[in-house]
PDB file of all heavy atoms in Angstrom:
ATOM      1  N   SER A   1       0.845  -1.193   0.000  1.00  0.00           N
ATOM      2  CA  SER A   1       0.000   0.000   0.000  1.00  0.00           C
ATOM      3  C   SER A   1       0.882   1.245   0.000  1.00  0.00           C
ATOM      4  O   SER A   1       2.069   1.200   0.342  1.00  0.00           O
ATOM      5  CB  SER A   1      -0.934   0.020   1.212  1.00  0.00           C
ATOM      6  OG  SER A   1      -0.186   0.075   2.425  1.00  0.00           O
ATOM      7  N   GLY A   2       0.293   2.366  -0.407  1.00  0.00           N
ATOM      8  CA  GLY A   2       0.989   3.654  -0.360  1.00  0.00           C
ATOM      9  C   GLY A   2       1.771   4.029  -1.592  1.00  0.00           C
ATOM     10  O   GLY A   2       2.286   5.139  -1.692  1.00  0.00           O
ATOM     11  N   GLY A   3       1.866   3.144  -2.562  1.00  0.00           N
ATOM     12  CA  GLY A   3       2.604   3.463  -3.781  1.00  0.00           C
ATOM     13  C   GLY A   3       1.781   4.330  -4.722  1.00  0.00           C
ATOM     14  O   GLY A   3       0.561   4.209  -4.800  1.00  0.00           O
ATOM     15  N   GLY A   4       2.436   5.248  -5.432  1.00  0.00           N
ATOM     16  CA  GLY A   4       1.760   6.060  -6.439  1.00  0.00           C
ATOM     17  C   GLY A   4       0.783   7.074  -5.905  1.00  0.00           C
ATOM     18  O   GLY A   4      -0.165   7.458  -6.600  1.00  0.00           O
ATOM     19  N   GLN A   5       0.968   7.539  -4.665  1.00  0.00           N
ATOM     20  CA  GLN A   5       0.041   8.517  -4.095  1.00  0.00           C
ATOM     21  C   GLN A   5       0.100   9.839  -4.871  1.00  0.00           C
ATOM     22  O   GLN A   5       1.169  10.340  -5.196  1.00  0.00           O
ATOM     23  CB  GLN A   5       0.390   8.779  -2.623  1.00  0.00           C
ATOM     24  CG  GLN A   5       0.259   7.566  -1.728  1.00  0.00           C
ATOM     25  CD  GLN A   5       0.720   7.844  -0.310  1.00  0.00           C
ATOM     26  OE1 GLN A   5       0.133   8.665   0.398  1.00  0.00           O
ATOM     27  NE2 GLN A   5       1.780   7.157   0.106  1.00  0.00           N
ATOM     28  N   GLN A   6      -1.093  10.389  -5.151  1.00  0.00           N
ATOM     29  CA  GLN A   6      -1.227  11.692  -5.806  1.00  0.00           C
ATOM     30  C   GLN A   6      -2.210  12.498  -4.963  1.00  0.00           C
ATOM     31  O   GLN A   6      -3.413  12.238  -4.992  1.00  0.00           O
ATOM     32  CB  GLN A   6      -1.763  11.528  -7.231  1.00  0.00           C
ATOM     33  CG  GLN A   6      -0.835  10.781  -8.178  1.00  0.00           C
ATOM     34  CD  GLN A   6       0.235  11.670  -8.769  1.00  0.00           C
ATOM     35  OE1 GLN A   6       0.141  12.890  -8.744  1.00  0.00           O
ATOM     36  NE2 GLN A   6       1.276  11.053  -9.312  1.00  0.00           N
ATOM     37  N   ILE A   7      -1.696  13.465  -4.192  1.00  0.00           N
ATOM     38  CA  ILE A   7      -2.546  14.210  -3.265  1.00  0.00           C
ATOM     39  C   ILE A   7      -2.290  15.707  -3.439  1.00  0.00           C
ATOM     40  O   ILE A   7      -1.415  16.123  -4.212  1.00  0.00           O
ATOM     41  CB  ILE A   7      -2.277  13.801  -1.804  1.00  0.00           C
ATOM     42  CG1 ILE A   7      -0.818  14.079  -1.431  1.00  0.00           C
ATOM     43  CG2 ILE A   7      -2.603  12.319  -1.596  1.00  0.00           C
ATOM     44  CD1 ILE A   7      -0.491  13.772   0.025  1.00  0.00           C
ATOM     45  N   SER A   8      -3.050  16.526  -2.722  1.00  0.00           N
ATOM     46  CA  SER A   8      -2.836  17.975  -2.775  1.00  0.00           C
ATOM     47  C   SER A   8      -1.776  18.372  -1.753  1.00  0.00           C
ATOM     48  O   SER A   8      -1.490  17.629  -0.813  1.00  0.00           O
ATOM     49  CB  SER A   8      -4.145  18.717  -2.485  1.00  0.00           C
ATOM     50  OG  SER A   8      -4.521  18.556  -1.130  1.00  0.00           O
ATOM     51  N   GLU A   9      -1.200  19.569  -1.942  1.00  0.00           N
ATOM     52  CA  GLU A   9      -0.111  20.015  -1.089  1.00  0.00           C
ATOM     53  C   GLU A   9      -0.539  20.202   0.369  1.00  0.00           C
ATOM     54  O   GLU A   9       0.311  20.194   1.269  1.00  0.00           O
ATOM     55  CB  GLU A   9       0.482  21.312  -1.619  1.00  0.00           C
ATOM     56  CG  GLU A   9      -0.498  22.478  -1.689  1.00  0.00           C
ATOM     57  CD  GLU A   9       0.133  23.705  -2.322  1.00  0.00           C
ATOM     58  OE1 GLU A   9       1.367  23.830  -2.310  1.00  0.00           O
ATOM     59  OE2 GLU A   9      -0.620  24.540  -2.854  1.00  0.00           O
ATOM     60  N   SER A  10      -1.832  20.350   0.633  1.00  0.00           N
ATOM     61  CA  SER A  10      -2.310  20.535   2.003  1.00  0.00           C
ATOM     62  C   SER A  10      -2.485  19.204   2.739  1.00  0.00           C
ATOM     63  O   SER A  10      -2.689  19.178   3.953  1.00  0.00           O
ATOM     64  CB  SER A  10      -3.648  21.283   1.998  1.00  0.00           C
ATOM     65  OG  SER A  10      -4.639  20.538   1.305  1.00  0.00           O
ATOM     66  N   GLN A  11      -2.397  18.092   2.014  1.00  0.00           N
ATOM     67  CA  GLN A  11      -2.560  16.777   2.615  1.00  0.00           C
ATOM     68  C   GLN A  11      -1.203  16.179   2.991  1.00  0.00           C
ATOM     69  O   GLN A  11      -0.148  16.762   2.710  1.00  0.00           O
ATOM     70  CB  GLN A  11      -3.302  15.853   1.647  1.00  0.00           C
ATOM     71  CG  GLN A  11      -4.717  16.288   1.324  1.00  0.00           C
ATOM     72  CD  GLN A  11      -5.372  15.384   0.297  1.00  0.00           C
ATOM     73  OE1 GLN A  11      -4.908  15.250  -0.825  1.00  0.00           O
ATOM     74  NE2 GLN A  11      -6.474  14.746   0.696  1.00  0.00           N
ATOM     75  N   SER A  12      -1.248  15.000   3.606  1.00  0.00           N
ATOM     76  CA  SER A  12      -0.019  14.315   4.017  1.00  0.00           C
ATOM     77  C   SER A  12       0.017  12.902   3.442  1.00  0.00           C
ATOM     78  O   SER A  12      -1.011  12.225   3.377  1.00  0.00           O
ATOM     79  CB  SER A  12       0.086  14.239   5.543  1.00  0.00           C
ATOM     80  OG  SER A  12       0.157  15.523   6.114  1.00  0.00           O
ATOM     81  N   PHE A  13       1.198  12.473   3.024  1.00  0.00           N
ATOM     82  CA  PHE A  13       1.356  11.114   2.531  1.00  0.00           C
ATOM     83  C   PHE A  13       1.157  10.111   3.666  1.00  0.00           C
ATOM     84  O   PHE A  13       1.550  10.359   4.810  1.00  0.00           O
ATOM     85  CB  PHE A  13       2.764  10.897   1.960  1.00  0.00           C
ATOM     86  CG  PHE A  13       3.070  11.701   0.725  1.00  0.00           C
ATOM     87  CD1 PHE A  13       4.176  12.535   0.691  1.00  0.00           C
ATOM     88  CD2 PHE A  13       2.276  11.603  -0.402  1.00  0.00           C
ATOM     89  CE1 PHE A  13       4.487  13.268  -0.439  1.00  0.00           C
ATOM     90  CE2 PHE A  13       2.575  12.328  -1.549  1.00  0.00           C
ATOM     91  CZ  PHE A  13       3.682  13.171  -1.567  1.00  0.00           C
ATOM     92  N   VAL A  14       0.560   8.966   3.351  1.00  0.00           N
ATOM     93  CA  VAL A  14       0.512   7.857   4.301  1.00  0.00           C
ATOM     94  C   VAL A  14       1.773   7.024   4.093  1.00  0.00           C
ATOM     95  O   VAL A  14       2.407   7.094   3.031  1.00  0.00           O
ATOM     96  CB  VAL A  14      -0.753   7.002   4.095  1.00  0.00           C
ATOM     97  CG1 VAL A  14      -2.006   7.837   4.304  1.00  0.00           C
ATOM     98  CG2 VAL A  14      -0.758   6.361   2.700  1.00  0.00           C
ATOM     99  N   PRO A  15       2.156   6.229   5.075  1.00  0.00           N
ATOM    100  CA  PRO A  15       3.360   5.400   4.906  1.00  0.00           C
ATOM    101  C   PRO A  15       3.234   4.438   3.731  1.00  0.00           C
ATOM    102  O   PRO A  15       2.138   4.011   3.366  1.00  0.00           O
ATOM    103  CB  PRO A  15       3.449   4.644   6.237  1.00  0.00           C
ATOM    104  CG  PRO A  15       2.729   5.529   7.210  1.00  0.00           C
ATOM    105  CD  PRO A  15       1.596   6.135   6.432  1.00  0.00           C
ATOM    106  N   VAL A  16       4.372   4.100   3.159  1.00  0.00           N
ATOM    107  CA  VAL A  16       4.441   3.088   2.105  1.00  0.00           C
ATOM    108  C   VAL A  16       4.756   1.750   2.776  1.00  0.00           C
ATOM    109  O   VAL A  16       5.710   1.649   3.558  1.00  0.00           O
ATOM    110  CB  VAL A  16       5.526   3.423   1.073  1.00  0.00           C
ATOM    111  CG1 VAL A  16       5.748   2.259   0.111  1.00  0.00           C
ATOM    112  CG2 VAL A  16       5.148   4.681   0.303  1.00  0.00           C
ATOM    113  N   VAL A  17       3.946   0.750   2.510  1.00  0.00           N
ATOM    114  CA  VAL A  17       4.145  -0.582   3.097  1.00  0.00           C
ATOM    115  C   VAL A  17       4.667  -1.518   2.003  1.00  0.00           C
ATOM    116  O   VAL A  17       4.028  -1.693   0.959  1.00  0.00           O
ATOM    117  CB  VAL A  17       2.850  -1.142   3.700  1.00  0.00           C
ATOM    118  CG1 VAL A  17       3.092  -2.550   4.257  1.00  0.00           C
ATOM    119  CG2 VAL A  17       2.327  -0.217   4.798  1.00  0.00           C
ATOM    120  N   LEU A  18       5.826  -2.103   2.248  1.00  0.00           N
ATOM    121  CA  LEU A  18       6.437  -3.050   1.319  1.00  0.00           C
ATOM    122  C   LEU A  18       6.520  -4.416   1.966  1.00  0.00           C
ATOM    123  O   LEU A  18       6.593  -4.534   3.192  1.00  0.00           O
ATOM    124  CB  LEU A  18       7.848  -2.597   0.939  1.00  0.00           C
ATOM    125  CG  LEU A  18       8.013  -1.231   0.287  1.00  0.00           C
ATOM    126  CD1 LEU A  18       9.492  -0.930   0.054  1.00  0.00           C
ATOM    127  CD2 LEU A  18       7.242  -1.149  -1.026  1.00  0.00           C
ATOM    128  N   GLN A  19       6.525  -5.446   1.132  1.00  0.00           N
ATOM    129  CA  GLN A  19       6.736  -6.806   1.623  1.00  0.00           C
ATOM    130  C   GLN A  19       7.859  -7.437   0.814  1.00  0.00           C
ATOM    131  O   GLN A  19       7.877  -7.360  -0.416  1.00  0.00           O
ATOM    132  CB  GLN A  19       5.470  -7.648   1.491  1.00  0.00           C
ATOM    133  CG  GLN A  19       5.633  -9.069   2.067  1.00  0.00           C
ATOM    134  CD  GLN A  19       4.358  -9.893   1.945  1.00  0.00           C
ATOM    135  OE1 GLN A  19       3.668  -9.827   0.924  1.00  0.00           O
ATOM    136  NE2 GLN A  19       4.038 -10.690   2.962  1.00  0.00           N
ATOM    137  N   LEU A  20       8.796  -8.050   1.516  1.00  0.00           N
ATOM    138  CA  LEU A  20       9.916  -8.739   0.867  1.00  0.00           C
ATOM    139  C   LEU A  20       9.597 -10.227   0.812  1.00  0.00           C
ATOM    140  O   LEU A  20       9.294 -10.847   1.832  1.00  0.00           O
ATOM    141  CB  LEU A  20      11.200  -8.504   1.661  1.00  0.00           C
ATOM    142  CG  LEU A  20      12.486  -9.103   1.071  1.00  0.00           C
ATOM    143  CD1 LEU A  20      12.834  -8.420  -0.252  1.00  0.00           C
ATOM    144  CD2 LEU A  20      13.641  -8.957   2.064  1.00  0.00           C
ATOM    145  N   ILE A  21       9.646 -10.806  -0.401  1.00  0.00           N
ATOM    146  CA  ILE A  21       9.353 -12.229  -0.558  1.00  0.00           C
ATOM    147  C   ILE A  21      10.490 -12.918  -1.308  1.00  0.00           C
ATOM    148  O   ILE A  21      11.275 -12.286  -2.027  1.00  0.00           O
ATOM    149  CB  ILE A  21       8.030 -12.460  -1.314  1.00  0.00           C
ATOM    150  CG1 ILE A  21       8.112 -11.887  -2.733  1.00  0.00           C
ATOM    151  CG2 ILE A  21       6.857 -11.860  -0.561  1.00  0.00           C
ATOM    152  CD1 ILE A  21       6.915 -12.237  -3.617  1.00  0.00           C
ATOM    153  N   SER A  22      10.568 -14.209  -1.125  1.00  0.00           N
ATOM    154  CA  SER A  22      11.574 -15.008  -1.832  1.00  0.00           C
ATOM    155  C   SER A  22      11.091 -15.307  -3.246  1.00  0.00           C
ATOM    156  O   SER A  22       9.958 -14.987  -3.619  1.00  0.00           O
ATOM    157  CB  SER A  22      11.813 -16.324  -1.088  1.00  0.00           C
ATOM    158  OG  SER A  22      10.668 -17.157  -1.188  1.00  0.00           O
ATOM    159  N   GLY A  23      11.948 -15.951  -4.019  1.00  0.00           N
ATOM    160  CA  GLY A  23      11.590 -16.303  -5.392  1.00  0.00           C
ATOM    161  C   GLY A  23      10.423 -17.266  -5.471  1.00  0.00           C
ATOM    162  O   GLY A  23       9.763 -17.365  -6.511  1.00  0.00           O
ATOM    163  N   THR A  24      10.149 -17.954  -4.364  1.00  0.00           N
ATOM    164  CA  THR A  24       9.015 -18.886  -4.337  1.00  0.00           C
ATOM    165  C   THR A  24       7.791 -18.274  -3.671  1.00  0.00           C
ATOM    166  O   THR A  24       6.804 -18.967  -3.414  1.00  0.00           O
ATOM    167  CB  THR A  24       9.403 -20.182  -3.599  1.00  0.00           C
ATOM    168  OG1 THR A  24       9.833 -19.858  -2.265  1.00  0.00           O
ATOM    169  CG2 THR A  24      10.518 -20.908  -4.331  1.00  0.00           C
ATOM    170  N   GLY A  25       7.859 -16.970  -3.340  1.00  0.00           N
ATOM    171  CA  GLY A  25       6.716 -16.277  -2.776  1.00  0.00           C
ATOM    172  C   GLY A  25       6.606 -16.335  -1.271  1.00  0.00           C
ATOM    173  O   GLY A  25       5.577 -15.944  -0.708  1.00  0.00           O
ATOM    174  N   VAL A  26       7.660 -16.791  -0.590  1.00  0.00           N
ATOM    175  CA  VAL A  26       7.631 -16.893   0.865  1.00  0.00           C
ATOM    176  C   VAL A  26       8.124 -15.573   1.480  1.00  0.00           C
ATOM    177  O   VAL A  26       9.174 -15.070   1.105  1.00  0.00           O
ATOM    178  CB  VAL A  26       8.536 -18.046   1.354  1.00  0.00           C
ATOM    179  CG1 VAL A  26       8.565 -18.102   2.881  1.00  0.00           C
ATOM    180  CG2 VAL A  26       8.058 -19.366   0.773  1.00  0.00           C
ATOM    181  N   PRO A  27       7.356 -14.976   2.415  1.00  0.00           N
ATOM    182  CA  PRO A  27       7.791 -13.730   3.057  1.00  0.00           C
ATOM    183  C   PRO A  27       9.120 -13.926   3.785  1.00  0.00           C
ATOM    184  O   PRO A  27       9.362 -14.966   4.399  1.00  0.00           O
ATOM    185  CB  PRO A  27       6.664 -13.429   4.048  1.00  0.00           C
ATOM    186  CG  PRO A  27       5.470 -14.141   3.487  1.00  0.00           C
ATOM    187  CD  PRO A  27       6.009 -15.391   2.867  1.00  0.00           C
ATOM    188  N   ILE A  28       9.991 -12.917   3.714  1.00  0.00           N
ATOM    189  CA  ILE A  28      11.300 -12.978   4.353  1.00  0.00           C
ATOM    190  C   ILE A  28      11.304 -12.017   5.533  1.00  0.00           C
ATOM    191  O   ILE A  28      11.238 -10.800   5.362  1.00  0.00           O
ATOM    192  CB  ILE A  28      12.427 -12.608   3.362  1.00  0.00           C
ATOM    193  CG1 ILE A  28      12.373 -13.520   2.134  1.00  0.00           C
ATOM    194  CG2 ILE A  28      13.786 -12.703   4.031  1.00  0.00           C
ATOM    195  CD1 ILE A  28      13.362 -13.149   1.044  1.00  0.00           C
ATOM    196  N   SER A  29      11.390 -12.552   6.732  1.00  0.00           N
ATOM    197  CA  SER A  29      11.351 -11.725   7.940  1.00  0.00           C
ATOM    198  C   SER A  29      12.757 -11.446   8.456  1.00  0.00           C
ATOM    199  O   SER A  29      13.722 -12.123   8.097  1.00  0.00           O
ATOM    200  CB  SER A  29      10.540 -12.437   9.030  1.00  0.00           C
ATOM    201  OG  SER A  29      11.162 -13.657   9.391  1.00  0.00           O
ATOM    202  N   GLY A  30      12.858 -10.414   9.310  1.00  0.00           N
ATOM    203  CA  GLY A  30      14.115 -10.098   9.978  1.00  0.00           C
ATOM    204  C   GLY A  30      15.234  -9.670   9.056  1.00  0.00           C
ATOM    205  O   GLY A  30      16.406  -9.857   9.371  1.00  0.00           O
ATOM    206  N   THR A  31      14.907  -9.079   7.924  1.00  0.00           N
ATOM    207  CA  THR A  31      15.915  -8.672   6.952  1.00  0.00           C
ATOM    208  C   THR A  31      16.049  -7.155   6.915  1.00  0.00           C
ATOM    209  O   THR A  31      15.049  -6.439   6.930  1.00  0.00           O
ATOM    210  CB  THR A  31      15.555  -9.194   5.549  1.00  0.00           C
ATOM    211  OG1 THR A  31      15.536 -10.616   5.569  1.00  0.00           O
ATOM    212  CG2 THR A  31      16.555  -8.729   4.505  1.00  0.00           C
ATOM    213  N   ALA A  32      17.272  -6.675   6.848  1.00  0.00           N
ATOM    214  CA  ALA A  32      17.529  -5.238   6.796  1.00  0.00           C
ATOM    215  C   ALA A  32      17.141  -4.669   5.437  1.00  0.00           C
ATOM    216  O   ALA A  32      17.490  -5.230   4.398  1.00  0.00           O
ATOM    217  CB  ALA A  32      18.999  -4.952   7.063  1.00  0.00           C
ATOM    218  N   ILE A  33      16.392  -3.586   5.466  1.00  0.00           N
ATOM    219  CA  ILE A  33      15.969  -2.865   4.259  1.00  0.00           C
ATOM    220  C   ILE A  33      16.591  -1.476   4.303  1.00  0.00           C
ATOM    221  O   ILE A  33      16.402  -0.733   5.264  1.00  0.00           O
ATOM    222  CB  ILE A  33      14.430  -2.724   4.185  1.00  0.00           C
ATOM    223  CG1 ILE A  33      13.755  -4.094   4.333  1.00  0.00           C
ATOM    224  CG2 ILE A  33      14.015  -2.036   2.889  1.00  0.00           C
ATOM    225  CD1 ILE A  33      14.057  -5.062   3.242  1.00  0.00           C
ATOM    226  N   GLN A  34      17.349  -1.123   3.277  1.00  0.00           N
ATOM    227  CA  GLN A  34      17.944   0.206   3.182  1.00  0.00           C
ATOM    228  C   GLN A  34      17.034   1.078   2.311  1.00  0.00           C
ATOM    229  O   GLN A  34      16.671   0.681   1.201  1.00  0.00           O
ATOM    230  CB  GLN A  34      19.348   0.140   2.573  1.00  0.00           C
ATOM    231  CG  GLN A  34      20.290  -0.821   3.290  1.00  0.00           C
ATOM    232  CD  GLN A  34      20.534  -0.440   4.730  1.00  0.00           C
ATOM    233  OE1 GLN A  34      20.597   0.739   5.062  1.00  0.00           O
ATOM    234  NE2 GLN A  34      20.681  -1.432   5.593  1.00  0.00           N
ATOM    235  N   VAL A  35      16.683   2.248   2.826  1.00  0.00           N
ATOM    236  CA  VAL A  35      15.748   3.118   2.109  1.00  0.00           C
ATOM    237  C   VAL A  35      16.365   4.503   1.931  1.00  0.00           C
ATOM    238  O   VAL A  35      16.827   5.131   2.888  1.00  0.00           O
ATOM    239  CB  VAL A  35      14.405   3.257   2.868  1.00  0.00           C
ATOM    240  CG1 VAL A  35      13.466   4.203   2.116  1.00  0.00           C
ATOM    241  CG2 VAL A  35      13.757   1.883   3.039  1.00  0.00           C
ATOM    242  N   SER A  36      16.380   4.965   0.690  1.00  0.00           N
ATOM    243  CA  SER A  36      16.857   6.311   0.365  1.00  0.00           C
ATOM    244  C   SER A  36      15.677   7.110  -0.177  1.00  0.00           C
ATOM    245  O   SER A  36      14.971   6.646  -1.076  1.00  0.00           O
ATOM    246  CB  SER A  36      17.968   6.239  -0.688  1.00  0.00           C
ATOM    247  OG  SER A  36      18.348   7.531  -1.113  1.00  0.00           O
ATOM    248  N   GLN A  37      15.436   8.313   0.383  1.00  0.00           N
ATOM    249  CA  GLN A  37      14.334   9.155  -0.066  1.00  0.00           C
ATOM    250  C   GLN A  37      14.837  10.561  -0.419  1.00  0.00           C
ATOM    251  O   GLN A  37      15.706  11.100   0.274  1.00  0.00           O
ATOM    252  CB  GLN A  37      13.260   9.275   1.025  1.00  0.00           C
ATOM    253  CG  GLN A  37      12.608   7.964   1.393  1.00  0.00           C
ATOM    254  CD  GLN A  37      11.404   8.160   2.291  1.00  0.00           C
ATOM    255  OE1 GLN A  37      10.395   8.751   1.887  1.00  0.00           O
ATOM    256  NE2 GLN A  37      11.486   7.676   3.512  1.00  0.00           N
ATOM    257  N   SER A  38      14.288  11.118  -1.484  1.00  0.00           N
ATOM    258  CA  SER A  38      14.648  12.465  -1.918  1.00  0.00           C
ATOM    259  C   SER A  38      13.384  13.245  -2.263  1.00  0.00           C
ATOM    260  O   SER A  38      12.484  12.711  -2.924  1.00  0.00           O
ATOM    261  CB  SER A  38      15.565  12.423  -3.148  1.00  0.00           C
ATOM    262  OG  SER A  38      16.778  11.762  -2.859  1.00  0.00           O
ATOM    263  N   ILE A  39      13.327  14.507  -1.807  1.00  0.00           N
ATOM    264  CA  ILE A  39      12.203  15.389  -2.121  1.00  0.00           C
ATOM    265  C   ILE A  39      12.635  16.357  -3.215  1.00  0.00           C
ATOM    266  O   ILE A  39      13.684  17.013  -3.103  1.00  0.00           O
ATOM    267  CB  ILE A  39      11.751  16.199  -0.893  1.00  0.00           C
ATOM    268  CG1 ILE A  39      11.266  15.269   0.223  1.00  0.00           C
ATOM    269  CG2 ILE A  39      10.637  17.172  -1.261  1.00  0.00           C
ATOM    270  CD1 ILE A  39      10.857  16.008   1.492  1.00  0.00           C
ATOM    271  N   TYR A  40      11.806  16.468  -4.252  1.00  0.00           N
ATOM    272  CA  TYR A  40      12.061  17.412  -5.341  1.00  0.00           C
ATOM    273  C   TYR A  40      10.905  18.409  -5.420  1.00  0.00           C
ATOM    274  O   TYR A  40       9.746  18.053  -5.220  1.00  0.00           O
ATOM    275  CB  TYR A  40      12.193  16.674  -6.683  1.00  0.00           C
ATOM    276  CG  TYR A  40      13.384  15.747  -6.739  1.00  0.00           C
ATOM    277  CD1 TYR A  40      13.258  14.415  -6.349  1.00  0.00           C
ATOM    278  CD2 TYR A  40      14.626  16.207  -7.145  1.00  0.00           C
ATOM    279  CE1 TYR A  40      14.350  13.564  -6.373  1.00  0.00           C
ATOM    280  CE2 TYR A  40      15.720  15.361  -7.181  1.00  0.00           C
ATOM    281  CZ  TYR A  40      15.576  14.044  -6.805  1.00  0.00           C
ATOM    282  OH  TYR A  40      16.660  13.207  -6.823  1.00  0.00           O
ATOM    283  N   GLY A  41      11.230  19.656  -5.698  1.00  0.00           N
ATOM    284  CA  GLY A  41      10.206  20.676  -5.833  1.00  0.00           C
ATOM    285  C   GLY A  41       9.296  20.389  -7.016  1.00  0.00           C
ATOM    286  O   GLY A  41       9.737  19.878  -8.045  1.00  0.00           O
ATOM    287  N   TRP A  42       8.006  20.718  -6.860  1.00  0.00           N
ATOM    288  CA  TRP A  42       7.042  20.483  -7.945  1.00  0.00           C
ATOM    289  C   TRP A  42       7.358  21.389  -9.120  1.00  0.00           C
ATOM    290  O   TRP A  42       7.784  22.537  -8.956  1.00  0.00           O
ATOM    291  CB  TRP A  42       5.632  20.757  -7.441  1.00  0.00           C
ATOM    292  CG  TRP A  42       4.558  20.355  -8.415  1.00  0.00           C
ATOM    293  CD1 TRP A  42       3.962  19.142  -8.516  1.00  0.00           C
ATOM    294  CD2 TRP A  42       3.948  21.178  -9.415  1.00  0.00           C
ATOM    295  NE1 TRP A  42       3.024  19.146  -9.516  1.00  0.00           N
ATOM    296  CE2 TRP A  42       2.994  20.388 -10.090  1.00  0.00           C
ATOM    297  CE3 TRP A  42       4.128  22.514  -9.806  1.00  0.00           C
ATOM    298  CZ2 TRP A  42       2.219  20.879 -11.126  1.00  0.00           C
ATOM    299  CZ3 TRP A  42       3.358  22.992 -10.854  1.00  0.00           C
ATOM    300  CH2 TRP A  42       2.412  22.187 -11.501  1.00  0.00           C
ATOM    301  N   GLN A  43       7.135  20.872 -10.324  1.00  0.00           N
ATOM    302  CA  GLN A  43       7.460  21.628 -11.521  1.00  0.00           C
ATOM    303  C   GLN A  43       6.410  21.380 -12.595  1.00  0.00           C
ATOM    304  O   GLN A  43       5.887  20.268 -12.723  1.00  0.00           O
ATOM    305  CB  GLN A  43       8.843  21.186 -12.036  1.00  0.00           C
ATOM    306  CG  GLN A  43       9.499  22.231 -12.926  1.00  0.00           C
ATOM    307  CD  GLN A  43      10.982  21.940 -13.052  1.00  0.00           C
ATOM    308  OE1 GLN A  43      11.669  21.725 -12.056  1.00  0.00           O
ATOM    309  NE2 GLN A  43      11.470  21.924 -14.250  1.00  0.00           N
TER     310      GLN A  43
END
């Protein structure tokens, strides 16, 4: 959930929820996820 949000500037984004799965579709728990985020001005 939370991917592709398109909202107005007065609103707030909800968190993005990701799930990590193996090649066979099994959820992978206890794994480190590195996340890089950048904000760009609207144009």
